[in-house]
Amino acid sequence: MALQHANSGVVMDLNAPSAEPGRAQTRALVKSDSFEAIQLLVCAGNEIPPHQVAGKFTLSCMEGRVIIHLDNEDVELSMGQWVFFDGGVRHSVEAVEDSSLLLTIIFGHAPGLAA
């Protein structure tokens, strides 16, 4: 089944549905030439394994609490908090509580953003 992406001006409901225990779930919201937005649902005690993306990215914690493991430090993100990373940063995401995150990946150089 193909994922339903948002169309311009269409409101999307980001209230977190229940995630399947034992795994992280993703829901692609929109993808364009310049960015992609994805909702991540991670149950407490589960982890998104170490990975990296080429583009700059942000994570917004809409519900719960996670720890973002970086090579040299850990960053804790709680409900209502937001963090920005440069592209190529290797990281994993561990859910301390059942969590809903909004991930935005920026492709290439977007006008108005520092390079």
PDB file of N, CA and C in Angstrom:
ATOM      1  N   MET A   1       0.843  -1.173   0.000  1.00  0.00           N
ATOM      2  CA  MET A   1       0.000   0.000   0.000  1.00  0.00           C
ATOM      3  C   MET A   1       0.891   1.241   0.000  1.00  0.00           C
ATOM      4  N   ALA A   2       0.657   2.165  -0.893  1.00  0.00           N
ATOM      5  CA  ALA A   2       1.450   3.387  -0.998  1.00  0.00           C
ATOM      6  C   ALA A   2       1.117   4.322   0.156  1.00  0.00           C
ATOM      7  N   LEU A   3       2.148   5.016   0.656  1.00  0.00           N
ATOM      8  CA  LEU A   3       1.943   5.975   1.726  1.00  0.00           C
ATOM      9  C   LEU A   3       1.288   7.228   1.176  1.00  0.00           C
ATOM     10  N   GLN A   4       0.366   7.790   1.955  1.00  0.00           N
ATOM     11  CA  GLN A   4      -0.315   9.024   1.565  1.00  0.00           C
ATOM     12  C   GLN A   4       0.521  10.215   2.006  1.00  0.00           C
ATOM     13  N   HIS A   5       0.997  11.008   1.057  1.00  0.00           N
ATOM     14  CA  HIS A   5       1.749  12.209   1.372  1.00  0.00           C
ATOM     15  C   HIS A   5       0.807  13.406   1.423  1.00  0.00           C
ATOM     16  N   ALA A   6       1.228  14.417   2.170  1.00  0.00           N
ATOM     17  CA  ALA A   6       0.436  15.642   2.280  1.00  0.00           C
ATOM     18  C   ALA A   6       0.491  16.414   0.970  1.00  0.00           C
ATOM     19  N   ASN A   7      -0.587  17.078   0.662  1.00  0.00           N
ATOM     20  CA  ASN A   7      -0.635  18.004  -0.456  1.00  0.00           C
ATOM     21  C   ASN A   7      -0.590  19.416   0.114  1.00  0.00           C
ATOM     22  N   SER A   8      -0.163  20.364  -0.689  1.00  0.00           N
ATOM     23  CA  SER A   8      -0.068  21.747  -0.246  1.00  0.00           C
ATOM     24  C   SER A   8      -1.392  22.218   0.352  1.00  0.00           C
ATOM     25  N   GLY A   9      -1.316  22.753   1.569  1.00  0.00           N
ATOM     26  CA  GLY A   9      -2.495  23.304   2.231  1.00  0.00           C
ATOM     27  C   GLY A   9      -3.380  22.303   2.942  1.00  0.00           C
ATOM     28  N   VAL A  10      -3.046  21.009   2.895  1.00  0.00           N
ATOM     29  CA  VAL A  10      -3.856  19.982   3.542  1.00  0.00           C
ATOM     30  C   VAL A  10      -3.338  19.749   4.959  1.00  0.00           C
ATOM     31  N   VAL A  11      -4.221  19.818   5.947  1.00  0.00           N
ATOM     32  CA  VAL A  11      -3.852  19.608   7.343  1.00  0.00           C
ATOM     33  C   VAL A  11      -3.669  18.109   7.605  1.00  0.00           C
ATOM     34  N   MET A  12      -2.557  17.765   8.259  1.00  0.00           N
ATOM     35  CA  MET A  12      -2.274  16.368   8.624  1.00  0.00           C
ATOM     36  C   MET A  12      -2.408  16.224  10.134  1.00  0.00           C
ATOM     37  N   ASP A  13      -2.985  15.134  10.594  1.00  0.00           N
ATOM     38  CA  ASP A  13      -3.125  14.857  12.020  1.00  0.00           C
ATOM     39  C   ASP A  13      -1.852  14.178  12.515  1.00  0.00           C
ATOM     40  N   LEU A  14      -1.122  14.835  13.430  1.00  0.00           N
ATOM     41  CA  LEU A  14       0.116  14.273  13.963  1.00  0.00           C
ATOM     42  C   LEU A  14      -0.066  13.708  15.367  1.00  0.00           C
ATOM     43  N   ASN A  15      -1.324  13.607  15.834  1.00  0.00           N
ATOM     44  CA  ASN A  15      -1.546  12.936  17.108  1.00  0.00           C
ATOM     45  C   ASN A  15      -1.027  11.513  16.950  1.00  0.00           C
ATOM     46  N   ALA A  16      -0.219  11.106  17.901  1.00  0.00           N
ATOM     47  CA  ALA A  16       0.484   9.833  17.773  1.00  0.00           C
ATOM     48  C   ALA A  16      -0.456   8.641  17.905  1.00  0.00           C
ATOM     49  N   PRO A  17      -0.557   7.844  16.837  1.00  0.00           N
ATOM     50  CA  PRO A  17      -1.262   6.572  16.987  1.00  0.00           C
ATOM     51  C   PRO A  17      -0.366   5.645  17.812  1.00  0.00           C
ATOM     52  N   SER A  18      -0.884   4.546  18.276  1.00  0.00           N
ATOM     53  CA  SER A  18      -0.072   3.614  19.056  1.00  0.00           C
ATOM     54  C   SER A  18       0.954   2.950  18.148  1.00  0.00           C
ATOM     55  N   ALA A  19       2.195   2.939  18.618  1.00  0.00           N
ATOM     56  CA  ALA A  19       3.259   2.257  17.877  1.00  0.00           C
ATOM     57  C   ALA A  19       3.217   0.776  18.221  1.00  0.00           C
ATOM     58  N   GLU A  20       3.658  -0.043  17.282  1.00  0.00           N
ATOM     59  CA  GLU A  20       3.748  -1.477  17.520  1.00  0.00           C
ATOM     60  C   GLU A  20       4.870  -1.738  18.505  1.00  0.00           C
ATOM     61  N   PRO A  21       4.606  -2.447  19.603  1.00  0.00           N
ATOM     62  CA  PRO A  21       5.681  -2.733  20.554  1.00  0.00           C
ATOM     63  C   PRO A  21       6.842  -3.451  19.873  1.00  0.00           C
ATOM     64  N   GLY A  22       8.053  -3.097  20.287  1.00  0.00           N
ATOM     65  CA  GLY A  22       9.234  -3.790  19.781  1.00  0.00           C
ATOM     66  C   GLY A  22       9.840  -3.215  18.522  1.00  0.00           C
ATOM     67  N   ARG A  23       9.266  -2.136  17.978  1.00  0.00           N
ATOM     68  CA  ARG A  23       9.865  -1.573  16.768  1.00  0.00           C
ATOM     69  C   ARG A  23       9.484  -0.114  16.616  1.00  0.00           C
ATOM     70  N   ALA A  24      10.279   0.577  15.813  1.00  0.00           N
ATOM     71  CA  ALA A  24       9.970   1.966  15.480  1.00  0.00           C
ATOM     72  C   ALA A  24       9.117   1.955  14.215  1.00  0.00           C
ATOM     73  N   GLN A  25       8.197   2.903  14.130  1.00  0.00           N
ATOM     74  CA  GLN A  25       7.371   3.036  12.938  1.00  0.00           C
ATOM     75  C   GLN A  25       7.597   4.428  12.350  1.00  0.00           C
ATOM     76  N   THR A  26       7.525   4.511  11.054  1.00  0.00           N
ATOM     77  CA  THR A  26       7.671   5.798  10.388  1.00  0.00           C
ATOM     78  C   THR A  26       6.455   6.057   9.528  1.00  0.00           C
ATOM     79  N   ARG A  27       6.147   7.344   9.382  1.00  0.00           N
ATOM     80  CA  ARG A  27       5.052   7.748   8.493  1.00  0.00           C
ATOM     81  C   ARG A  27       5.556   8.935   7.693  1.00  0.00           C
ATOM     82  N   ALA A  28       5.754   8.721   6.396  1.00  0.00           N
ATOM     83  CA  ALA A  28       6.201   9.801   5.524  1.00  0.00           C
ATOM     84  C   ALA A  28       5.060  10.802   5.360  1.00  0.00           C
ATOM     85  N   LEU A  29       5.339  12.069   5.660  1.00  0.00           N
ATOM     86  CA  LEU A  29       4.311  13.101   5.554  1.00  0.00           C
ATOM     87  C   LEU A  29       4.373  13.806   4.206  1.00  0.00           C
ATOM     88  N   VAL A  30       5.565  14.208   3.805  1.00  0.00           N
ATOM     89  CA  VAL A  30       5.737  14.879   2.520  1.00  0.00           C
ATOM     90  C   VAL A  30       7.190  14.746   2.087  1.00  0.00           C
ATOM     91  N   LYS A  31       7.404  14.674   0.788  1.00  0.00           N
ATOM     92  CA  LYS A  31       8.756  14.652   0.231  1.00  0.00           C
ATOM     93  C   LYS A  31       8.746  15.500  -1.027  1.00  0.00           C
ATOM     94  N   SER A  32       9.707  16.433  -1.084  1.00  0.00           N
ATOM     95  CA  SER A  32       9.842  17.281  -2.260  1.00  0.00           C
ATOM     96  C   SER A  32      11.312  17.289  -2.672  1.00  0.00           C
ATOM     97  N   ASP A  33      11.647  18.101  -3.652  1.00  0.00           N
ATOM     98  CA  ASP A  33      13.042  18.213  -4.074  1.00  0.00           C
ATOM     99  C   ASP A  33      13.915  18.839  -2.991  1.00  0.00           C
ATOM    100  N   SER A  34      13.320  19.644  -2.098  1.00  0.00           N
ATOM    101  CA  SER A  34      14.117  20.381  -1.115  1.00  0.00           C
ATOM    102  C   SER A  34      14.063  19.820   0.306  1.00  0.00           C
ATOM    103  N   PHE A  35      13.007  19.070   0.660  1.00  0.00           N
ATOM    104  CA  PHE A  35      12.934  18.529   2.020  1.00  0.00           C
ATOM    105  C   PHE A  35      12.001  17.327   2.101  1.00  0.00           C
ATOM    106  N   GLU A  36      12.147  16.618   3.225  1.00  0.00           N
ATOM    107  CA  GLU A  36      11.259  15.496   3.527  1.00  0.00           C
ATOM    108  C   GLU A  36      10.856  15.602   4.993  1.00  0.00           C
ATOM    109  N   ALA A  37       9.591  15.357   5.298  1.00  0.00           N
ATOM    110  CA  ALA A  37       9.095  15.354   6.670  1.00  0.00           C
ATOM    111  C   ALA A  37       8.540  13.971   6.984  1.00  0.00           C
ATOM    112  N   ILE A  38       8.954  13.421   8.140  1.00  0.00           N
ATOM    113  CA  ILE A  38       8.594  12.064   8.525  1.00  0.00           C
ATOM    114  C   ILE A  38       8.205  12.061  10.000  1.00  0.00           C
ATOM    115  N   GLN A  39       7.131  11.370  10.340  1.00  0.00           N
ATOM    116  CA  GLN A  39       6.785  11.170  11.740  1.00  0.00           C
ATOM    117  C   GLN A  39       7.374   9.841  12.183  1.00  0.00           C
ATOM    118  N   LEU A  40       8.078   9.849  13.319  1.00  0.00           N
ATOM    119  CA  LEU A  40       8.679   8.647  13.885  1.00  0.00           C
ATOM    120  C   LEU A  40       7.962   8.306  15.186  1.00  0.00           C
ATOM    121  N   LEU A  41       7.552   7.068  15.345  1.00  0.00           N
ATOM    122  CA  LEU A  41       6.946   6.574  16.580  1.00  0.00           C
ATOM    123  C   LEU A  41       7.859   5.488  17.126  1.00  0.00           C
ATOM    124  N   VAL A  42       8.355   5.698  18.361  1.00  0.00           N
ATOM    125  CA  VAL A  42       9.297   4.756  18.953  1.00  0.00           C
ATOM    126  C   VAL A  42       8.813   4.407  20.359  1.00  0.00           C
ATOM    127  N   CYS A  43       8.599   3.125  20.613  1.00  0.00           N
ATOM    128  CA  CYS A  43       8.154   2.667  21.934  1.00  0.00           C
ATOM    129  C   CYS A  43       9.305   2.721  22.931  1.00  0.00           C
ATOM    130  N   ALA A  44       8.974   2.967  24.191  1.00  0.00           N
ATOM    131  CA  ALA A  44       9.961   3.002  25.266  1.00  0.00           C
ATOM    132  C   ALA A  44      10.829   1.745  25.234  1.00  0.00           C
ATOM    133  N   GLY A  45      12.137   1.952  25.373  1.00  0.00           N
ATOM    134  CA  GLY A  45      13.078   0.840  25.388  1.00  0.00           C
ATOM    135  C   GLY A  45      13.570   0.417  24.022  1.00  0.00           C
ATOM    136  N   ASN A  46      12.993   0.960  22.960  1.00  0.00           N
ATOM    137  CA  ASN A  46      13.425   0.613  21.607  1.00  0.00           C
ATOM    138  C   ASN A  46      14.355   1.683  21.056  1.00  0.00           C
ATOM    139  N   GLU A  47      15.122   1.307  20.039  1.00  0.00           N
ATOM    140  CA  GLU A  47      16.116   2.208  19.472  1.00  0.00           C
ATOM    141  C   GLU A  47      16.090   2.150  17.947  1.00  0.00           C
ATOM    142  N   ILE A  48      16.245   3.306  17.332  1.00  0.00           N
ATOM    143  CA  ILE A  48      16.503   3.371  15.894  1.00  0.00           C
ATOM    144  C   ILE A  48      18.020   3.244  15.765  1.00  0.00           C
ATOM    145  N   PRO A  49      18.517   2.212  15.076  1.00  0.00           N
ATOM    146  CA  PRO A  49      19.951   1.927  15.041  1.00  0.00           C
ATOM    147  C   PRO A  49      20.781   3.089  14.470  1.00  0.00           C
ATOM    148  N   PRO A  50      22.092   3.094  14.749  1.00  0.00           N
ATOM    149  CA  PRO A  50      22.972   4.147  14.238  1.00  0.00           C
ATOM    150  C   PRO A  50      22.882   4.276  12.713  1.00  0.00           C
ATOM    151  N   HIS A  51      22.805   5.518  12.260  1.00  0.00           N
ATOM    152  CA  HIS A  51      22.722   5.819  10.835  1.00  0.00           C
ATOM    153  C   HIS A  51      23.083   7.284  10.628  1.00  0.00           C
ATOM    154  N   GLN A  52      23.119   7.716   9.387  1.00  0.00           N
ATOM    155  CA  GLN A  52      23.342   9.122   9.071  1.00  0.00           C
ATOM    156  C   GLN A  52      22.589   9.461   7.798  1.00  0.00           C
ATOM    157  N   VAL A  53      22.283  10.740   7.646  1.00  0.00           N
ATOM    158  CA  VAL A  53      21.641  11.233   6.431  1.00  0.00           C
ATOM    159  C   VAL A  53      22.526  12.324   5.854  1.00  0.00           C
ATOM    160  N   ALA A  54      22.487  12.477   4.540  1.00  0.00           N
ATOM    161  CA  ALA A  54      23.355  13.455   3.879  1.00  0.00           C
ATOM    162  C   ALA A  54      22.932  14.890   4.177  1.00  0.00           C
ATOM    163  N   GLY A  55      21.630  15.139   4.261  1.00  0.00           N
ATOM    164  CA  GLY A  55      21.144  16.502   4.446  1.00  0.00           C
ATOM    165  C   GLY A  55      21.100  16.925   5.897  1.00  0.00           C
ATOM    166  N   LYS A  56      21.065  18.236   6.099  1.00  0.00           N
ATOM    167  CA  LYS A  56      20.836  18.780   7.437  1.00  0.00           C
ATOM    168  C   LYS A  56      19.464  18.294   7.882  1.00  0.00           C
ATOM    169  N   PHE A  57      19.284  18.126   9.207  1.00  0.00           N
ATOM    170  CA  PHE A  57      17.989  17.636   9.665  1.00  0.00           C
ATOM    171  C   PHE A  57      17.630  18.190  11.034  1.00  0.00           C
ATOM    172  N   THR A  58      16.339  18.176  11.313  1.00  0.00           N
ATOM    173  CA  THR A  58      15.835  18.575  12.619  1.00  0.00           C
ATOM    174  C   THR A  58      14.986  17.450  13.186  1.00  0.00           C
ATOM    175  N   LEU A  59      14.953  17.380  14.506  1.00  0.00           N
ATOM    176  CA  LEU A  59      14.057  16.475  15.212  1.00  0.00           C
ATOM    177  C   LEU A  59      13.269  17.300  16.215  1.00  0.00           C
ATOM    178  N   SER A  60      11.956  17.169  16.177  1.00  0.00           N
ATOM    179  CA  SER A  60      11.067  17.806  17.148  1.00  0.00           C
ATOM    180  C   SER A  60      10.403  16.692  17.933  1.00  0.00           C
ATOM    181  N   CYS A  61      10.459  16.782  19.259  1.00  0.00           N
ATOM    182  CA  CYS A  61       9.804  15.780  20.104  1.00  0.00           C
ATOM    183  C   CYS A  61       8.399  16.270  20.415  1.00  0.00           C
ATOM    184  N   MET A  62       7.418  15.598  19.867  1.00  0.00           N
ATOM    185  CA  MET A  62       6.025  15.998  20.062  1.00  0.00           C
ATOM    186  C   MET A  62       5.403  15.313  21.271  1.00  0.00           C
ATOM    187  N   GLU A  63       5.958  14.169  21.637  1.00  0.00           N
ATOM    188  CA  GLU A  63       5.450  13.414  22.783  1.00  0.00           C
ATOM    189  C   GLU A  63       6.551  12.497  23.272  1.00  0.00           C
ATOM    190  N   GLY A  64       6.672  12.332  24.590  1.00  0.00           N
ATOM    191  CA  GLY A  64       7.628  11.388  25.157  1.00  0.00           C
ATOM    192  C   GLY A  64       8.996  11.988  25.420  1.00  0.00           C
ATOM    193  N   ARG A  65       9.992  11.099  25.417  1.00  0.00           N
ATOM    194  CA  ARG A  65      11.372  11.515  25.686  1.00  0.00           C
ATOM    195  C   ARG A  65      12.310  10.523  25.027  1.00  0.00           C
ATOM    196  N   VAL A  66      13.336  11.035  24.336  1.00  0.00           N
ATOM    197  CA  VAL A  66      14.321  10.189  23.655  1.00  0.00           C
ATOM    198  C   VAL A  66      15.736  10.666  23.995  1.00  0.00           C
ATOM    199  N   ILE A  67      16.684   9.773  23.779  1.00  0.00           N
ATOM    200  CA  ILE A  67      18.096  10.127  23.855  1.00  0.00           C
ATOM    201  C   ILE A  67      18.674   9.915  22.463  1.00  0.00           C
ATOM    202  N   ILE A  68      19.300  10.960  21.943  1.00  0.00           N
ATOM    203  CA  ILE A  68      19.969  10.884  20.644  1.00  0.00           C
ATOM    204  C   ILE A  68      21.439  10.617  20.937  1.00  0.00           C
ATOM    205  N   HIS A  69      21.905   9.439  20.540  1.00  0.00           N
ATOM    206  CA  HIS A  69      23.288   9.045  20.779  1.00  0.00           C
ATOM    207  C   HIS A  69      24.142   9.501  19.593  1.00  0.00           C
ATOM    208  N   LEU A  70      25.114  10.348  19.868  1.00  0.00           N
ATOM    209  CA  LEU A  70      26.071  10.817  18.882  1.00  0.00           C
ATOM    210  C   LEU A  70      27.411  10.141  19.161  1.00  0.00           C
ATOM    211  N   ASP A  71      28.401  10.345  18.294  1.00  0.00           N
ATOM    212  CA  ASP A  71      29.704   9.721  18.504  1.00  0.00           C
ATOM    213  C   ASP A  71      30.336  10.129  19.832  1.00  0.00           C
ATOM    214  N   ASN A  72      30.231  11.411  20.200  1.00  0.00           N
ATOM    215  CA  ASN A  72      30.948  11.909  21.377  1.00  0.00           C
ATOM    216  C   ASN A  72      30.066  12.357  22.529  1.00  0.00           C
ATOM    217  N   GLU A  73      28.755  12.298  22.376  1.00  0.00           N
ATOM    218  CA  GLU A  73      27.860  12.751  23.443  1.00  0.00           C
ATOM    219  C   GLU A  73      26.451  12.222  23.210  1.00  0.00           C
ATOM    220  N   ASP A  74      25.626  12.388  24.223  1.00  0.00           N
ATOM    221  CA  ASP A  74      24.215  12.060  24.121  1.00  0.00           C
ATOM    222  C   ASP A  74      23.420  13.345  24.299  1.00  0.00           C
ATOM    223  N   VAL A  75      22.332  13.473  23.543  1.00  0.00           N
ATOM    224  CA  VAL A  75      21.446  14.627  23.643  1.00  0.00           C
ATOM    225  C   VAL A  75      20.066  14.111  24.013  1.00  0.00           C
ATOM    226  N   GLU A  76      19.503  14.633  25.107  1.00  0.00           N
ATOM    227  CA  GLU A  76      18.155  14.227  25.508  1.00  0.00           C
ATOM    228  C   GLU A  76      17.151  15.221  24.934  1.00  0.00           C
ATOM    229  N   LEU A  77      16.077  14.700  24.406  1.00  0.00           N
ATOM    230  CA  LEU A  77      15.033  15.519  23.795  1.00  0.00           C
ATOM    231  C   LEU A  77      13.694  15.118  24.410  1.00  0.00           C
ATOM    232  N   SER A  78      12.991  16.101  24.998  1.00  0.00           N
ATOM    233  CA  SER A  78      11.702  15.861  25.644  1.00  0.00           C
ATOM    234  C   SER A  78      10.599  16.590  24.895  1.00  0.00           C
ATOM    235  N   MET A  79       9.370  16.273  25.246  1.00  0.00           N
ATOM    236  CA  MET A  79       8.210  16.879  24.595  1.00  0.00           C
ATOM    237  C   MET A  79       8.349  18.401  24.525  1.00  0.00           C
ATOM    238  N   GLY A  80       8.135  18.934  23.326  1.00  0.00           N
ATOM    239  CA  GLY A  80       8.209  20.375  23.110  1.00  0.00           C
ATOM    240  C   GLY A  80       9.591  20.877  22.756  1.00  0.00           C
ATOM    241  N   GLN A  81      10.591  19.991  22.715  1.00  0.00           N
ATOM    242  CA  GLN A  81      11.949  20.414  22.371  1.00  0.00           C
ATOM    243  C   GLN A  81      12.286  20.053  20.928  1.00  0.00           C
ATOM    244  N   TRP A  82      13.256  20.803  20.376  1.00  0.00           N
ATOM    245  CA  TRP A  82      13.642  20.704  18.965  1.00  0.00           C
ATOM    246  C   TRP A  82      15.156  20.777  18.893  1.00  0.00           C
ATOM    247  N   VAL A  83      15.755  20.056  17.949  1.00  0.00           N
ATOM    248  CA  VAL A  83      17.206  20.094  17.767  1.00  0.00           C
ATOM    249  C   VAL A  83      17.531  20.042  16.276  1.00  0.00           C
ATOM    250  N   PHE A  84      18.637  20.704  15.896  1.00  0.00           N
ATOM    251  CA  PHE A  84      19.111  20.770  14.514  1.00  0.00           C
ATOM    252  C   PHE A  84      20.474  20.103  14.427  1.00  0.00           C
ATOM    253  N   PHE A  85      20.724  19.361  13.344  1.00  0.00           N
ATOM    254  CA  PHE A  85      22.025  18.740  13.105  1.00  0.00           C
ATOM    255  C   PHE A  85      22.472  18.989  11.663  1.00  0.00           C
ATOM    256  N   ASP A  86      23.775  19.132  11.476  1.00  0.00           N
ATOM    257  CA  ASP A  86      24.341  19.192  10.131  1.00  0.00           C
ATOM    258  C   ASP A  86      24.245  17.813   9.493  1.00  0.00           C
ATOM    259  N   GLY A  87      24.298  17.767   8.180  1.00  0.00           N
ATOM    260  CA  GLY A  87      24.259  16.498   7.469  1.00  0.00           C
ATOM    261  C   GLY A  87      25.478  15.654   7.789  1.00  0.00           C
ATOM    262  N   GLY A  88      25.318  14.345   7.695  1.00  0.00           N
ATOM    263  CA  GLY A  88      26.422  13.425   7.907  1.00  0.00           C
ATOM    264  C   GLY A  88      26.694  13.077   9.356  1.00  0.00           C
ATOM    265  N   VAL A  89      25.900  13.598  10.291  1.00  0.00           N
ATOM    266  CA  VAL A  89      26.093  13.301  11.710  1.00  0.00           C
ATOM    267  C   VAL A  89      25.545  11.897  11.996  1.00  0.00           C
ATOM    268  N   ARG A  90      26.433  10.996  12.417  1.00  0.00           N
ATOM    269  CA  ARG A  90      26.014   9.636  12.747  1.00  0.00           C
ATOM    270  C   ARG A  90      25.308   9.671  14.102  1.00  0.00           C
ATOM    271  N   HIS A  91      24.147   9.024  14.183  1.00  0.00           N
ATOM    272  CA  HIS A  91      23.347   9.073  15.400  1.00  0.00           C
ATOM    273  C   HIS A  91      22.409   7.873  15.472  1.00  0.00           C
ATOM    274  N   SER A  92      21.938   7.598  16.679  1.00  0.00           N
ATOM    275  CA  SER A  92      20.860   6.649  16.899  1.00  0.00           C
ATOM    276  C   SER A  92      19.875   7.328  17.833  1.00  0.00           C
ATOM    277  N   VAL A  93      18.659   6.793  17.892  1.00  0.00           N
ATOM    278  CA  VAL A  93      17.614   7.395  18.729  1.00  0.00           C
ATOM    279  C   VAL A  93      17.042   6.304  19.628  1.00  0.00           C
ATOM    280  N   GLU A  94      17.142   6.524  20.945  1.00  0.00           N
ATOM    281  CA  GLU A  94      16.636   5.580  21.937  1.00  0.00           C
ATOM    282  C   GLU A  94      15.447   6.205  22.660  1.00  0.00           C
ATOM    283  N   ALA A  95      14.332   5.516  22.690  1.00  0.00           N
ATOM    284  CA  ALA A  95      13.138   6.027  23.367  1.00  0.00           C
ATOM    285  C   ALA A  95      13.187   5.665  24.849  1.00  0.00           C
ATOM    286  N   VAL A  96      13.166   6.689  25.697  1.00  0.00           N
ATOM    287  CA  VAL A  96      13.084   6.500  27.141  1.00  0.00           C
ATOM    288  C   VAL A  96      11.617   6.286  27.517  1.00  0.00           C
ATOM    289  N   GLU A  97      10.733   6.998  26.810  1.00  0.00           N
ATOM    290  CA  GLU A  97       9.281   6.868  26.958  1.00  0.00           C
ATOM    291  C   GLU A  97       8.709   6.637  25.560  1.00  0.00           C
ATOM    292  N   ASP A  98       7.481   6.151  25.463  1.00  0.00           N
ATOM    293  CA  ASP A  98       6.830   6.078  24.161  1.00  0.00           C
ATOM    294  C   ASP A  98       6.888   7.481  23.564  1.00  0.00           C
ATOM    295  N   SER A  99       7.388   7.593  22.336  1.00  0.00           N
ATOM    296  CA  SER A  99       7.684   8.913  21.778  1.00  0.00           C
ATOM    297  C   SER A  99       7.194   9.076  20.351  1.00  0.00           C
ATOM    298  N   SER A 100       6.830  10.310  20.039  1.00  0.00           N
ATOM    299  CA  SER A 100       6.463  10.717  18.683  1.00  0.00           C
ATOM    300  C   SER A 100       7.381  11.877  18.310  1.00  0.00           C
ATOM    301  N   LEU A 101       8.094  11.723  17.194  1.00  0.00           N
ATOM    302  CA  LEU A 101       9.057  12.726  16.734  1.00  0.00           C
ATOM    303  C   LEU A 101       8.704  13.178  15.328  1.00  0.00           C
ATOM    304  N   LEU A 102       9.004  14.422  15.030  1.00  0.00           N
ATOM    305  CA  LEU A 102       8.871  14.939  13.676  1.00  0.00           C
ATOM    306  C   LEU A 102      10.273  15.173  13.145  1.00  0.00           C
ATOM    307  N   LEU A 103      10.639  14.433  12.116  1.00  0.00           N
ATOM    308  CA  LEU A 103      11.944  14.534  11.471  1.00  0.00           C
ATOM    309  C   LEU A 103      11.791  15.319  10.176  1.00  0.00           C
ATOM    310  N   THR A 104      12.625  16.336   9.994  1.00  0.00           N
ATOM    311  CA  THR A 104      12.660  17.080   8.737  1.00  0.00           C
ATOM    312  C   THR A 104      14.075  17.016   8.197  1.00  0.00           C
ATOM    313  N   ILE A 105      14.232  16.513   6.981  1.00  0.00           N
ATOM    314  CA  ILE A 105      15.536  16.425   6.313  1.00  0.00           C
ATOM    315  C   ILE A 105      15.559  17.460   5.196  1.00  0.00           C
ATOM    316  N   ILE A 106      16.615  18.273   5.159  1.00  0.00           N
ATOM    317  CA  ILE A 106      16.752  19.318   4.154  1.00  0.00           C
ATOM    318  C   ILE A 106      17.751  18.831   3.107  1.00  0.00           C
ATOM    319  N   PHE A 107      17.311  18.772   1.856  1.00  0.00           N
ATOM    320  CA  PHE A 107      18.176  18.296   0.767  1.00  0.00           C
ATOM    321  C   PHE A 107      18.902  19.464   0.128  1.00  0.00           C
ATOM    322  N   GLY A 108      20.193  19.306  -0.145  1.00  0.00           N
ATOM    323  CA  GLY A 108      20.954  20.335  -0.835  1.00  0.00           C
ATOM    324  C   GLY A 108      21.022  21.618  -0.022  1.00  0.00           C
ATOM    325  N   HIS A 109      21.209  22.727  -0.706  1.00  0.00           N
ATOM    326  CA  HIS A 109      21.304  24.031  -0.045  1.00  0.00           C
ATOM    327  C   HIS A 109      19.998  24.784  -0.239  1.00  0.00           C
ATOM    328  N   ALA A 110      19.254  24.926   0.838  1.00  0.00           N
ATOM    329  CA  ALA A 110      17.985  25.653   0.773  1.00  0.00           C
ATOM    330  C   ALA A 110      18.253  27.139   0.965  1.00  0.00           C
ATOM    331  N   PRO A 111      17.635  28.020   0.157  1.00  0.00           N
ATOM    332  CA  PRO A 111      17.838  29.464   0.304  1.00  0.00           C
ATOM    333  C   PRO A 111      17.494  29.912   1.719  1.00  0.00           C
ATOM    334  N   GLY A 112      18.330  30.794   2.261  1.00  0.00           N
ATOM    335  CA  GLY A 112      18.079  31.361   3.569  1.00  0.00           C
ATOM    336  C   GLY A 112      18.698  30.586   4.705  1.00  0.00           C
ATOM    337  N   LEU A 113      19.294  29.392   4.437  1.00  0.00           N
ATOM    338  CA  LEU A 113      19.953  28.624   5.480  1.00  0.00           C
ATOM    339  C   LEU A 113      21.458  28.750   5.318  1.00  0.00           C
ATOM    340  N   ALA A 114      22.133  28.870   6.430  1.00  0.00           N
ATOM    341  CA  ALA A 114      23.588  28.949   6.390  1.00  0.00           C
ATOM    342  C   ALA A 114      24.153  27.652   5.881  1.00  0.00           C
ATOM    343  N   ALA A 115      25.164  27.732   5.065  1.00  0.00           N
ATOM    344  CA  ALA A 115      25.787  26.523   4.509  1.00  0.00           C
ATOM    345  C   ALA A 115      26.719  25.885   5.493  1.00  0.00           C
TER     346      ALA A 115
END
